[in-house]
Amino acid sequence: MIVDLRIYTCRPQKTAAFFQIYRAHGWDVQCRILGRCIGWYTTMEGPLNQLVHLWAYRDMADRQARRERLYADPEWLAYIARSEEAGLLVSMENRLLKPTDFCPMPPGWDETPDAI
């Protein structure tokens, strides 16, 4: 398993606006295609205005296939256009993580989501 850790930094006071657009236009399609969301979080301390989300994949090939399908989906592309037009994000970070040999796996990580 690998985990895709994403950290988005919003403009000050724009986190709620980002979530409003994402929930209405991005969440459903992303869940349908990526399949294994471990969590979505906001920061309480440290750097503020940050949104953190994690997605689990079987391996790099699974991640690549799902990300390619996501960026070929018209619904996702429309969400991206809306998000860019709103201009709410300052930066985006992406980290790929692998679990240690003693890491407890998130529930259901090995269940196969809808086939690609």
PDB file of N, CA and C in Angstrom:
ATOM      1  N   MET A   1       0.839  -1.178   0.000  1.00  0.00           N
ATOM      2  CA  MET A   1       0.000   0.000   0.000  1.00  0.00           C
ATOM      3  C   MET A   1       0.883   1.241   0.000  1.00  0.00           C
ATOM      4  N   ILE A   2       0.429   2.295  -0.675  1.00  0.00           N
ATOM      5  CA  ILE A   2       1.039   3.618  -0.563  1.00  0.00           C
ATOM      6  C   ILE A   2      -0.061   4.608  -0.205  1.00  0.00           C
ATOM      7  N   VAL A   3       0.325   5.715   0.403  1.00  0.00           N
ATOM      8  CA  VAL A   3      -0.618   6.772   0.764  1.00  0.00           C
ATOM      9  C   VAL A   3      -0.170   8.057   0.086  1.00  0.00           C
ATOM     10  N   ASP A   4      -1.110   8.691  -0.575  1.00  0.00           N
ATOM     11  CA  ASP A   4      -0.891   9.978  -1.222  1.00  0.00           C
ATOM     12  C   ASP A   4      -1.355  11.047  -0.238  1.00  0.00           C
ATOM     13  N   LEU A   5      -0.400  11.796   0.324  1.00  0.00           N
ATOM     14  CA  LEU A   5      -0.681  12.877   1.270  1.00  0.00           C
ATOM     15  C   LEU A   5      -0.679  14.182   0.499  1.00  0.00           C
ATOM     16  N   ARG A   6      -1.773  14.918   0.589  1.00  0.00           N
ATOM     17  CA  ARG A   6      -1.885  16.195  -0.109  1.00  0.00           C
ATOM     18  C   ARG A   6      -2.166  17.291   0.900  1.00  0.00           C
ATOM     19  N   ILE A   7      -1.441  18.390   0.782  1.00  0.00           N
ATOM     20  CA  ILE A   7      -1.623  19.539   1.671  1.00  0.00           C
ATOM     21  C   ILE A   7      -1.877  20.757   0.797  1.00  0.00           C
ATOM     22  N   TYR A   8      -3.058  21.331   0.951  1.00  0.00           N
ATOM     23  CA  TYR A   8      -3.423  22.539   0.211  1.00  0.00           C
ATOM     24  C   TYR A   8      -3.442  23.704   1.185  1.00  0.00           C
ATOM     25  N   THR A   9      -2.905  24.827   0.784  1.00  0.00           N
ATOM     26  CA  THR A   9      -2.965  26.040   1.589  1.00  0.00           C
ATOM     27  C   THR A   9      -3.892  27.018   0.890  1.00  0.00           C
ATOM     28  N   CYS A  10      -4.938  27.433   1.614  1.00  0.00           N
ATOM     29  CA  CYS A  10      -5.917  28.383   1.081  1.00  0.00           C
ATOM     30  C   CYS A  10      -5.514  29.811   1.430  1.00  0.00           C
ATOM     31  N   ARG A  11      -6.040  30.733   0.686  1.00  0.00           N
ATOM     32  CA  ARG A  11      -5.899  32.136   1.053  1.00  0.00           C
ATOM     33  C   ARG A  11      -6.605  32.327   2.401  1.00  0.00           C
ATOM     34  N   PRO A  12      -6.144  33.270   3.220  1.00  0.00           N
ATOM     35  CA  PRO A  12      -6.786  33.489   4.518  1.00  0.00           C
ATOM     36  C   PRO A  12      -8.298  33.704   4.367  1.00  0.00           C
ATOM     37  N   GLN A  13      -9.039  33.094   5.269  1.00  0.00           N
ATOM     38  CA  GLN A  13     -10.499  33.196   5.325  1.00  0.00           C
ATOM     39  C   GLN A  13     -11.214  32.562   4.115  1.00  0.00           C
ATOM     40  N   LYS A  14     -10.534  31.703   3.357  1.00  0.00           N
ATOM     41  CA  LYS A  14     -11.144  31.105   2.158  1.00  0.00           C
ATOM     42  C   LYS A  14     -11.337  29.593   2.254  1.00  0.00           C
ATOM     43  N   THR A  15     -11.028  29.000   3.409  1.00  0.00           N
ATOM     44  CA  THR A  15     -11.169  27.554   3.559  1.00  0.00           C
ATOM     45  C   THR A  15     -12.615  27.111   3.345  1.00  0.00           C
ATOM     46  N   ALA A  16     -13.569  27.809   3.935  1.00  0.00           N
ATOM     47  CA  ALA A  16     -14.984  27.432   3.788  1.00  0.00           C
ATOM     48  C   ALA A  16     -15.422  27.511   2.328  1.00  0.00           C
ATOM     49  N   ALA A  17     -14.966  28.517   1.615  1.00  0.00           N
ATOM     50  CA  ALA A  17     -15.319  28.648   0.191  1.00  0.00           C
ATOM     51  C   ALA A  17     -14.724  27.504  -0.621  1.00  0.00           C
ATOM     52  N   PHE A  18     -13.481  27.108  -0.294  1.00  0.00           N
ATOM     53  CA  PHE A  18     -12.869  25.975  -0.977  1.00  0.00           C
ATOM     54  C   PHE A  18     -13.706  24.717  -0.757  1.00  0.00           C
ATOM     55  N   PHE A  19     -14.060  24.448   0.514  1.00  0.00           N
ATOM     56  CA  PHE A  19     -14.842  23.249   0.821  1.00  0.00           C
ATOM     57  C   PHE A  19     -16.213  23.277   0.151  1.00  0.00           C
ATOM     58  N   GLN A  20     -16.809  24.438   0.054  1.00  0.00           N
ATOM     59  CA  GLN A  20     -18.120  24.535  -0.598  1.00  0.00           C
ATOM     60  C   GLN A  20     -18.032  24.091  -2.064  1.00  0.00           C
ATOM     61  N   ILE A  21     -17.029  24.556  -2.770  1.00  0.00           N
ATOM     62  CA  ILE A  21     -16.841  24.162  -4.175  1.00  0.00           C
ATOM     63  C   ILE A  21     -16.465  22.690  -4.262  1.00  0.00           C
ATOM     64  N   TYR A  22     -15.561  22.245  -3.406  1.00  0.00           N
ATOM     65  CA  TYR A  22     -15.108  20.852  -3.448  1.00  0.00           C
ATOM     66  C   TYR A  22     -16.249  19.876  -3.153  1.00  0.00           C
ATOM     67  N   ARG A  23     -17.009  20.141  -2.095  1.00  0.00           N
ATOM     68  CA  ARG A  23     -18.116  19.232  -1.748  1.00  0.00           C
ATOM     69  C   ARG A  23     -19.157  19.181  -2.862  1.00  0.00           C
ATOM     70  N   ALA A  24     -19.427  20.301  -3.480  1.00  0.00           N
ATOM     71  CA  ALA A  24     -20.461  20.352  -4.518  1.00  0.00           C
ATOM     72  C   ALA A  24     -20.003  19.752  -5.848  1.00  0.00           C
ATOM     73  N   HIS A  25     -18.700  19.842  -6.165  1.00  0.00           N
ATOM     74  CA  HIS A  25     -18.260  19.482  -7.519  1.00  0.00           C
ATOM     75  C   HIS A  25     -17.103  18.499  -7.598  1.00  0.00           C
ATOM     76  N   GLY A  26     -16.357  18.287  -6.514  1.00  0.00           N
ATOM     77  CA  GLY A  26     -15.172  17.444  -6.587  1.00  0.00           C
ATOM     78  C   GLY A  26     -15.226  16.148  -5.796  1.00  0.00           C
ATOM     79  N   TRP A  27     -15.824  16.192  -4.624  1.00  0.00           N
ATOM     80  CA  TRP A  27     -15.798  15.049  -3.704  1.00  0.00           C
ATOM     81  C   TRP A  27     -16.354  13.770  -4.323  1.00  0.00           C
ATOM     82  N   ASP A  28     -17.542  13.815  -4.890  1.00  0.00           N
ATOM     83  CA  ASP A  28     -18.168  12.597  -5.415  1.00  0.00           C
ATOM     84  C   ASP A  28     -17.347  11.948  -6.516  1.00  0.00           C
ATOM     85  N   VAL A  29     -16.886  12.747  -7.464  1.00  0.00           N
ATOM     86  CA  VAL A  29     -16.118  12.169  -8.573  1.00  0.00           C
ATOM     87  C   VAL A  29     -14.775  11.644  -8.086  1.00  0.00           C
ATOM     88  N   GLN A  30     -14.155  12.339  -7.175  1.00  0.00           N
ATOM     89  CA  GLN A  30     -12.869  11.883  -6.656  1.00  0.00           C
ATOM     90  C   GLN A  30     -13.035  10.562  -5.896  1.00  0.00           C
ATOM     91  N   CYS A  31     -14.073  10.454  -5.076  1.00  0.00           N
ATOM     92  CA  CYS A  31     -14.320   9.199  -4.354  1.00  0.00           C
ATOM     93  C   CYS A  31     -14.644   8.064  -5.318  1.00  0.00           C
ATOM     94  N   ARG A  32     -15.433   8.354  -6.325  1.00  0.00           N
ATOM     95  CA  ARG A  32     -15.819   7.325  -7.289  1.00  0.00           C
ATOM     96  C   ARG A  32     -14.604   6.757  -8.005  1.00  0.00           C
ATOM     97  N   ILE A  33     -13.649   7.601  -8.335  1.00  0.00           N
ATOM     98  CA  ILE A  33     -12.501   7.154  -9.128  1.00  0.00           C
ATOM     99  C   ILE A  33     -11.318   6.736  -8.262  1.00  0.00           C
ATOM    100  N   LEU A  34     -10.988   7.518  -7.248  1.00  0.00           N
ATOM    101  CA  LEU A  34      -9.822   7.184  -6.426  1.00  0.00           C
ATOM    102  C   LEU A  34     -10.143   6.097  -5.407  1.00  0.00           C
ATOM    103  N   GLY A  35     -11.334   6.111  -4.848  1.00  0.00           N
ATOM    104  CA  GLY A  35     -11.844   4.995  -4.082  1.00  0.00           C
ATOM    105  C   GLY A  35     -11.469   4.830  -2.630  1.00  0.00           C
ATOM    106  N   ARG A  36     -10.310   5.223  -2.192  1.00  0.00           N
ATOM    107  CA  ARG A  36      -9.897   4.920  -0.818  1.00  0.00           C
ATOM    108  C   ARG A  36      -9.439   6.184  -0.084  1.00  0.00           C
ATOM    109  N   CYS A  37     -10.360   7.017   0.278  1.00  0.00           N
ATOM    110  CA  CYS A  37     -10.006   8.204   1.055  1.00  0.00           C
ATOM    111  C   CYS A  37      -9.815   7.796   2.507  1.00  0.00           C
ATOM    112  N   ILE A  38      -8.646   8.104   3.048  1.00  0.00           N
ATOM    113  CA  ILE A  38      -8.364   7.820   4.457  1.00  0.00           C
ATOM    114  C   ILE A  38      -8.878   8.960   5.328  1.00  0.00           C
ATOM    115  N   GLY A  39      -8.840  10.183   4.804  1.00  0.00           N
ATOM    116  CA  GLY A  39      -9.354  11.293   5.596  1.00  0.00           C
ATOM    117  C   GLY A  39      -9.100  12.642   4.960  1.00  0.00           C
ATOM    118  N   TRP A  40      -9.915  13.603   5.361  1.00  0.00           N
ATOM    119  CA  TRP A  40      -9.787  15.015   5.010  1.00  0.00           C
ATOM    120  C   TRP A  40      -9.737  15.785   6.317  1.00  0.00           C
ATOM    121  N   TYR A  41      -8.778  16.684   6.457  1.00  0.00           N
ATOM    122  CA  TYR A  41      -8.577  17.396   7.717  1.00  0.00           C
ATOM    123  C   TYR A  41      -8.268  18.873   7.460  1.00  0.00           C
ATOM    124  N   THR A  42      -8.488  19.683   8.483  1.00  0.00           N
ATOM    125  CA  THR A  42      -8.036  21.071   8.470  1.00  0.00           C
ATOM    126  C   THR A  42      -7.080  21.247   9.647  1.00  0.00           C
ATOM    127  N   THR A  43      -6.175  22.189   9.516  1.00  0.00           N
ATOM    128  CA  THR A  43      -5.208  22.412  10.588  1.00  0.00           C
ATOM    129  C   THR A  43      -5.844  23.238  11.713  1.00  0.00           C
ATOM    130  N   MET A  44      -5.445  22.905  12.936  1.00  0.00           N
ATOM    131  CA  MET A  44      -5.896  23.648  14.118  1.00  0.00           C
ATOM    132  C   MET A  44      -4.741  24.456  14.707  1.00  0.00           C
ATOM    133  N   GLU A  45      -3.532  23.933  14.544  1.00  0.00           N
ATOM    134  CA  GLU A  45      -2.330  24.611  15.023  1.00  0.00           C
ATOM    135  C   GLU A  45      -1.269  24.475  13.947  1.00  0.00           C
ATOM    136  N   GLY A  46      -0.216  25.245  14.083  1.00  0.00           N
ATOM    137  CA  GLY A  46       0.817  25.225  13.055  1.00  0.00           C
ATOM    138  C   GLY A  46       0.377  26.109  11.897  1.00  0.00           C
ATOM    139  N   PRO A  47       0.851  25.810  10.692  1.00  0.00           N
ATOM    140  CA  PRO A  47       0.425  26.619   9.542  1.00  0.00           C
ATOM    141  C   PRO A  47      -1.097  26.573   9.390  1.00  0.00           C
ATOM    142  N   LEU A  48      -1.713  27.735   9.349  1.00  0.00           N
ATOM    143  CA  LEU A  48      -3.173  27.807   9.265  1.00  0.00           C
ATOM    144  C   LEU A  48      -3.629  27.811   7.809  1.00  0.00           C
ATOM    145  N   ASN A  49      -4.933  27.689   7.643  1.00  0.00           N
ATOM    146  CA  ASN A  49      -5.556  27.692   6.315  1.00  0.00           C
ATOM    147  C   ASN A  49      -5.117  26.513   5.466  1.00  0.00           C
ATOM    148  N   GLN A  50      -4.736  25.426   6.114  1.00  0.00           N
ATOM    149  CA  GLN A  50      -4.308  24.249   5.361  1.00  0.00           C
ATOM    150  C   GLN A  50      -5.358  23.147   5.424  1.00  0.00           C
ATOM    151  N   LEU A  51      -5.478  22.440   4.325  1.00  0.00           N
ATOM    152  CA  LEU A  51      -6.373  21.302   4.176  1.00  0.00           C
ATOM    153  C   LEU A  51      -5.492  20.107   3.864  1.00  0.00           C
ATOM    154  N   VAL A  52      -5.706  19.018   4.559  1.00  0.00           N
ATOM    155  CA  VAL A  52      -4.877  17.830   4.381  1.00  0.00           C
ATOM    156  C   VAL A  52      -5.797  16.668   4.035  1.00  0.00           C
ATOM    157  N   HIS A  53      -5.466  15.944   2.967  1.00  0.00           N
ATOM    158  CA  HIS A  53      -6.235  14.745   2.659  1.00  0.00           C
ATOM    159  C   HIS A  53      -5.302  13.626   2.251  1.00  0.00           C
ATOM    160  N   LEU A  54      -5.758  12.398   2.536  1.00  0.00           N
ATOM    161  CA  LEU A  54      -4.943  11.207   2.297  1.00  0.00           C
ATOM    162  C   LEU A  54      -5.762  10.185   1.512  1.00  0.00           C
ATOM    163  N   TRP A  55      -5.112   9.567   0.520  1.00  0.00           N
ATOM    164  CA  TRP A  55      -5.739   8.549  -0.320  1.00  0.00           C
ATOM    165  C   TRP A  55      -4.828   7.334  -0.352  1.00  0.00           C
ATOM    166  N   ALA A  56      -5.400   6.160  -0.159  1.00  0.00           N
ATOM    167  CA  ALA A  56      -4.625   4.915  -0.161  1.00  0.00           C
ATOM    168  C   ALA A  56      -4.739   4.227  -1.519  1.00  0.00           C
ATOM    169  N   TYR A  57      -3.628   3.641  -1.949  1.00  0.00           N
ATOM    170  CA  TYR A  57      -3.573   2.889  -3.208  1.00  0.00           C
ATOM    171  C   TYR A  57      -2.843   1.580  -2.945  1.00  0.00           C
ATOM    172  N   ARG A  58      -3.143   0.590  -3.730  1.00  0.00           N
ATOM    173  CA  ARG A  58      -2.441  -0.693  -3.597  1.00  0.00           C
ATOM    174  C   ARG A  58      -0.946  -0.533  -3.877  1.00  0.00           C
ATOM    175  N   ASP A  59      -0.626   0.227  -4.931  1.00  0.00           N
ATOM    176  CA  ASP A  59       0.762   0.413  -5.347  1.00  0.00           C
ATOM    177  C   ASP A  59       0.813   1.599  -6.311  1.00  0.00           C
ATOM    178  N   MET A  60       1.985   1.885  -6.840  1.00  0.00           N
ATOM    179  CA  MET A  60       2.143   3.034  -7.743  1.00  0.00           C
ATOM    180  C   MET A  60       1.337   2.861  -9.029  1.00  0.00           C
ATOM    181  N   ALA A  61       1.232   1.636  -9.532  1.00  0.00           N
ATOM    182  CA  ALA A  61       0.463   1.401 -10.756  1.00  0.00           C
ATOM    183  C   ALA A  61      -1.018   1.696 -10.527  1.00  0.00           C
ATOM    184  N   ASP A  62      -1.549   1.296  -9.370  1.00  0.00           N
ATOM    185  CA  ASP A  62      -2.942   1.585  -9.029  1.00  0.00           C
ATOM    186  C   ASP A  62      -3.150   3.095  -8.952  1.00  0.00           C
ATOM    187  N   ARG A  63      -2.235   3.796  -8.286  1.00  0.00           N
ATOM    188  CA  ARG A  63      -2.345   5.258  -8.176  1.00  0.00           C
ATOM    189  C   ARG A  63      -2.312   5.907  -9.548  1.00  0.00           C
ATOM    190  N   GLN A  64      -1.363   5.517 -10.368  1.00  0.00           N
ATOM    191  CA  GLN A  64      -1.228   6.117 -11.686  1.00  0.00           C
ATOM    192  C   GLN A  64      -2.490   5.898 -12.528  1.00  0.00           C
ATOM    193  N   ALA A  65      -3.012   4.692 -12.539  1.00  0.00           N
ATOM    194  CA  ALA A  65      -4.210   4.396 -13.331  1.00  0.00           C
ATOM    195  C   ALA A  65      -5.407   5.210 -12.847  1.00  0.00           C
ATOM    196  N   ARG A  66      -5.570   5.308 -11.536  1.00  0.00           N
ATOM    197  CA  ARG A  66      -6.701   6.069 -10.992  1.00  0.00           C
ATOM    198  C   ARG A  66      -6.549   7.570 -11.240  1.00  0.00           C
ATOM    199  N   ARG A  67      -5.334   8.099 -11.092  1.00  0.00           N
ATOM    200  CA  ARG A  67      -5.114   9.530 -11.345  1.00  0.00           C
ATOM    201  C   ARG A  67      -5.316   9.856 -12.840  1.00  0.00           C
ATOM    202  N   GLU A  68      -4.887   8.963 -13.720  1.00  0.00           N
ATOM    203  CA  GLU A  68      -5.119   9.181 -15.154  1.00  0.00           C
ATOM    204  C   GLU A  68      -6.613   9.193 -15.464  1.00  0.00           C
ATOM    205  N   ARG A  69      -7.342   8.269 -14.853  1.00  0.00           N
ATOM    206  CA  ARG A  69      -8.790   8.232 -15.074  1.00  0.00           C
ATOM    207  C   ARG A  69      -9.438   9.500 -14.523  1.00  0.00           C
ATOM    208  N   LEU A  70      -8.982   9.967 -13.355  1.00  0.00           N
ATOM    209  CA  LEU A  70      -9.535  11.185 -12.760  1.00  0.00           C
ATOM    210  C   LEU A  70      -9.350  12.375 -13.701  1.00  0.00           C
ATOM    211  N   TYR A  71      -8.146  12.534 -14.238  1.00  0.00           N
ATOM    212  CA  TYR A  71      -7.862  13.694 -15.090  1.00  0.00           C
ATOM    213  C   TYR A  71      -8.377  13.542 -16.511  1.00  0.00           C
ATOM    214  N   ALA A  72      -9.037  12.424 -16.810  1.00  0.00           N
ATOM    215  CA  ALA A  72      -9.729  12.255 -18.086  1.00  0.00           C
ATOM    216  C   ALA A  72     -11.239  12.436 -17.920  1.00  0.00           C
ATOM    217  N   ASP A  73     -11.696  12.597 -16.694  1.00  0.00           N
ATOM    218  CA  ASP A  73     -13.123  12.689 -16.405  1.00  0.00           C
ATOM    219  C   ASP A  73     -13.618  14.134 -16.564  1.00  0.00           C
ATOM    220  N   PRO A  74     -14.612  14.375 -17.419  1.00  0.00           N
ATOM    221  CA  PRO A  74     -15.113  15.746 -17.634  1.00  0.00           C
ATOM    222  C   PRO A  74     -15.641  16.410 -16.362  1.00  0.00           C
ATOM    223  N   GLU A  75     -16.247  15.630 -15.472  1.00  0.00           N
ATOM    224  CA  GLU A  75     -16.764  16.196 -14.230  1.00  0.00           C
ATOM    225  C   GLU A  75     -15.621  16.724 -13.363  1.00  0.00           C
ATOM    226  N   TRP A  76     -14.507  15.977 -13.294  1.00  0.00           N
ATOM    227  CA  TRP A  76     -13.346  16.424 -12.523  1.00  0.00           C
ATOM    228  C   TRP A  76     -12.709  17.651 -13.164  1.00  0.00           C
ATOM    229  N   LEU A  77     -12.601  17.644 -14.469  1.00  0.00           N
ATOM    230  CA  LEU A  77     -12.005  18.787 -15.165  1.00  0.00           C
ATOM    231  C   LEU A  77     -12.841  20.051 -14.964  1.00  0.00           C
ATOM    232  N   ALA A  78     -14.175  19.901 -14.913  1.00  0.00           N
ATOM    233  CA  ALA A  78     -15.040  21.049 -14.642  1.00  0.00           C
ATOM    234  C   ALA A  78     -14.821  21.563 -13.216  1.00  0.00           C
ATOM    235  N   TYR A  79     -14.636  20.630 -12.269  1.00  0.00           N
ATOM    236  CA  TYR A  79     -14.337  21.042 -10.897  1.00  0.00           C
ATOM    237  C   TYR A  79     -13.014  21.812 -10.842  1.00  0.00           C
ATOM    238  N   ILE A  80     -11.990  21.293 -11.494  1.00  0.00           N
ATOM    239  CA  ILE A  80     -10.680  21.957 -11.502  1.00  0.00           C
ATOM    240  C   ILE A  80     -10.817  23.373 -12.063  1.00  0.00           C
ATOM    241  N   ALA A  81     -11.560  23.522 -13.143  1.00  0.00           N
ATOM    242  CA  ALA A  81     -11.758  24.855 -13.738  1.00  0.00           C
ATOM    243  C   ALA A  81     -12.449  25.790 -12.744  1.00  0.00           C
ATOM    244  N   ARG A  82     -13.490  25.302 -12.063  1.00  0.00           N
ATOM    245  CA  ARG A  82     -14.186  26.123 -11.060  1.00  0.00           C
ATOM    246  C   ARG A  82     -13.236  26.532  -9.940  1.00  0.00           C
ATOM    247  N   SER A  83     -12.452  25.561  -9.473  1.00  0.00           N
ATOM    248  CA  SER A  83     -11.528  25.821  -8.378  1.00  0.00           C
ATOM    249  C   SER A  83     -10.478  26.860  -8.777  1.00  0.00           C
ATOM    250  N   GLU A  84      -9.915  26.699  -9.963  1.00  0.00           N
ATOM    251  CA  GLU A  84      -8.911  27.663 -10.426  1.00  0.00           C
ATOM    252  C   GLU A  84      -9.515  29.048 -10.610  1.00  0.00           C
ATOM    253  N   GLU A  85     -10.725  29.094 -11.150  1.00  0.00           N
ATOM    254  CA  GLU A  85     -11.400  30.378 -11.363  1.00  0.00           C
ATOM    255  C   GLU A  85     -11.645  31.107 -10.037  1.00  0.00           C
ATOM    256  N   ALA A  86     -11.955  30.350  -8.990  1.00  0.00           N
ATOM    257  CA  ALA A  86     -12.211  30.952  -7.676  1.00  0.00           C
ATOM    258  C   ALA A  86     -10.938  31.514  -7.051  1.00  0.00           C
ATOM    259  N   GLY A  87      -9.767  30.972  -7.424  1.00  0.00           N
ATOM    260  CA  GLY A  87      -8.496  31.495  -6.930  1.00  0.00           C
ATOM    261  C   GLY A  87      -8.317  31.393  -5.422  1.00  0.00           C
ATOM    262  N   LEU A  88      -8.758  30.288  -4.836  1.00  0.00           N
ATOM    263  CA  LEU A  88      -8.737  30.157  -3.378  1.00  0.00           C
ATOM    264  C   LEU A  88      -7.448  29.571  -2.830  1.00  0.00           C
ATOM    265  N   LEU A  89      -6.688  28.866  -3.662  1.00  0.00           N
ATOM    266  CA  LEU A  89      -5.489  28.186  -3.187  1.00  0.00           C
ATOM    267  C   LEU A  89      -4.229  29.016  -3.397  1.00  0.00           C
ATOM    268  N   VAL A  90      -3.335  28.935  -2.428  1.00  0.00           N
ATOM    269  CA  VAL A  90      -2.030  29.575  -2.501  1.00  0.00           C
ATOM    270  C   VAL A  90      -0.992  28.563  -2.975  1.00  0.00           C
ATOM    271  N   SER A  91      -1.081  27.332  -2.418  1.00  0.00           N
ATOM    272  CA  SER A  91      -0.102  26.307  -2.784  1.00  0.00           C
ATOM    273  C   SER A  91      -0.683  24.917  -2.564  1.00  0.00           C
ATOM    274  N   MET A  92      -0.025  23.940  -3.209  1.00  0.00           N
ATOM    275  CA  MET A  92      -0.396  22.542  -3.046  1.00  0.00           C
ATOM    276  C   MET A  92       0.890  21.741  -2.893  1.00  0.00           C
ATOM    277  N   GLU A  93       0.870  20.790  -1.962  1.00  0.00           N
ATOM    278  CA  GLU A  93       1.999  19.877  -1.758  1.00  0.00           C
ATOM    279  C   GLU A  93       1.486  18.454  -1.917  1.00  0.00           C
ATOM    280  N   ASN A  94       2.353  17.572  -2.346  1.00  0.00           N
ATOM    281  CA  ASN A  94       1.999  16.165  -2.533  1.00  0.00           C
ATOM    282  C   ASN A  94       3.171  15.323  -2.043  1.00  0.00           C
ATOM    283  N   ARG A  95       2.863  14.347  -1.194  1.00  0.00           N
ATOM    284  CA  ARG A  95       3.886  13.416  -0.723  1.00  0.00           C
ATOM    285  C   ARG A  95       3.346  12.003  -0.848  1.00  0.00           C
ATOM    286  N   LEU A  96       4.184  11.087  -1.303  1.00  0.00           N
ATOM    287  CA  LEU A  96       3.803   9.688  -1.366  1.00  0.00           C
ATOM    288  C   LEU A  96       4.477   8.972  -0.210  1.00  0.00           C
ATOM    289  N   LEU A  97       3.687   8.254   0.583  1.00  0.00           N
ATOM    290  CA  LEU A  97       4.165   7.605   1.790  1.00  0.00           C
ATOM    291  C   LEU A  97       3.991   6.097   1.680  1.00  0.00           C
ATOM    292  N   LYS A  98       4.907   5.370   2.289  1.00  0.00           N
ATOM    293  CA  LYS A  98       4.733   3.923   2.388  1.00  0.00           C
ATOM    294  C   LYS A  98       4.688   3.564   3.860  1.00  0.00           C
ATOM    295  N   PRO A  99       3.838   2.606   4.226  1.00  0.00           N
ATOM    296  CA  PRO A  99       3.719   2.257   5.642  1.00  0.00           C
ATOM    297  C   PRO A  99       4.941   1.496   6.138  1.00  0.00           C
ATOM    298  N   THR A 100       5.215   1.654   7.404  1.00  0.00           N
ATOM    299  CA  THR A 100       6.263   0.858   8.042  1.00  0.00           C
ATOM    300  C   THR A 100       5.738  -0.558   8.252  1.00  0.00           C
ATOM    301  N   ASP A 101       6.608  -1.475   8.608  1.00  0.00           N
ATOM    302  CA  ASP A 101       6.178  -2.853   8.807  1.00  0.00           C
ATOM    303  C   ASP A 101       5.305  -3.027  10.062  1.00  0.00           C
ATOM    304  N   PHE A 102       5.261  -2.028  10.942  1.00  0.00           N
ATOM    305  CA  PHE A 102       4.429  -2.121  12.140  1.00  0.00           C
ATOM    306  C   PHE A 102       3.205  -1.209  12.078  1.00  0.00           C
ATOM    307  N   CYS A 103       2.977  -0.590  10.933  1.00  0.00           N
ATOM    308  CA  CYS A 103       1.858   0.340  10.767  1.00  0.00           C
ATOM    309  C   CYS A 103       0.529  -0.408  10.669  1.00  0.00           C
ATOM    310  N   PRO A 104      -0.449  -0.044  11.505  1.00  0.00           N
ATOM    311  CA  PRO A 104      -1.770  -0.655  11.337  1.00  0.00           C
ATOM    312  C   PRO A 104      -2.411  -0.116  10.066  1.00  0.00           C
ATOM    313  N   MET A 105      -2.968  -0.987   9.268  1.00  0.00           N
ATOM    314  CA  MET A 105      -3.593  -0.566   8.021  1.00  0.00           C
ATOM    315  C   MET A 105      -4.972   0.021   8.301  1.00  0.00           C
ATOM    316  N   PRO A 106      -5.364   1.050   7.552  1.00  0.00           N
ATOM    317  CA  PRO A 106      -6.701   1.611   7.760  1.00  0.00           C
ATOM    318  C   PRO A 106      -7.769   0.575   7.398  1.00  0.00           C
ATOM    319  N   PRO A 107      -8.898   0.604   8.089  1.00  0.00           N
ATOM    320  CA  PRO A 107      -9.952  -0.373   7.811  1.00  0.00           C
ATOM    321  C   PRO A 107     -10.347  -0.353   6.338  1.00  0.00           C
ATOM    322  N   GLY A 108     -10.459  -1.532   5.758  1.00  0.00           N
ATOM    323  CA  GLY A 108     -10.920  -1.664   4.380  1.00  0.00           C
ATOM    324  C   GLY A 108      -9.908  -1.331   3.311  1.00  0.00           C
ATOM    325  N   TRP A 109      -8.651  -1.098   3.688  1.00  0.00           N
ATOM    326  CA  TRP A 109      -7.667  -0.677   2.684  1.00  0.00           C
ATOM    327  C   TRP A 109      -7.486  -1.710   1.597  1.00  0.00           C
ATOM    328  N   ASP A 110      -7.695  -2.978   1.910  1.00  0.00           N
ATOM    329  CA  ASP A 110      -7.444  -4.021   0.922  1.00  0.00           C
ATOM    330  C   ASP A 110      -8.692  -4.420   0.148  1.00  0.00           C
ATOM    331  N   GLU A 111      -9.831  -3.781   0.449  1.00  0.00           N
ATOM    332  CA  GLU A 111     -11.039  -4.050  -0.322  1.00  0.00           C
ATOM    333  C   GLU A 111     -10.897  -3.379  -1.672  1.00  0.00           C
ATOM    334  N   THR A 112     -11.306  -4.052  -2.703  1.00  0.00           N
ATOM    335  CA  THR A 112     -11.164  -3.518  -4.048  1.00  0.00           C
ATOM    336  C   THR A 112     -12.314  -2.581  -4.362  1.00  0.00           C
ATOM    337  N   PRO A 113     -12.039  -1.272  -4.526  1.00  0.00           N
ATOM    338  CA  PRO A 113     -13.098  -0.354  -4.939  1.00  0.00           C
ATOM    339  C   PRO A 113     -13.496  -0.673  -6.383  1.00  0.00           C
ATOM    340  N   ASP A 114     -14.457   0.034  -6.879  1.00  0.00           N
ATOM    341  CA  ASP A 114     -14.909  -0.186  -8.255  1.00  0.00           C
ATOM    342  C   ASP A 114     -13.731  -0.302  -9.198  1.00  0.00           C
ATOM    343  N   ALA A 115     -13.804  -1.249 -10.104  1.00  0.00           N
ATOM    344  CA  ALA A 115     -12.724  -1.469 -11.059  1.00  0.00           C
ATOM    345  C   ALA A 115     -12.539  -0.249 -11.935  1.00  0.00           C
ATOM    346  N   ILE A 116     -11.320  -0.061 -12.365  1.00  0.00           N
ATOM    347  CA  ILE A 116     -11.016   1.063 -13.254  1.00  0.00           C
ATOM    348  C   ILE A 116     -11.400   0.683 -14.657  1.00  0.00           C
TER     349      ILE A 116
END
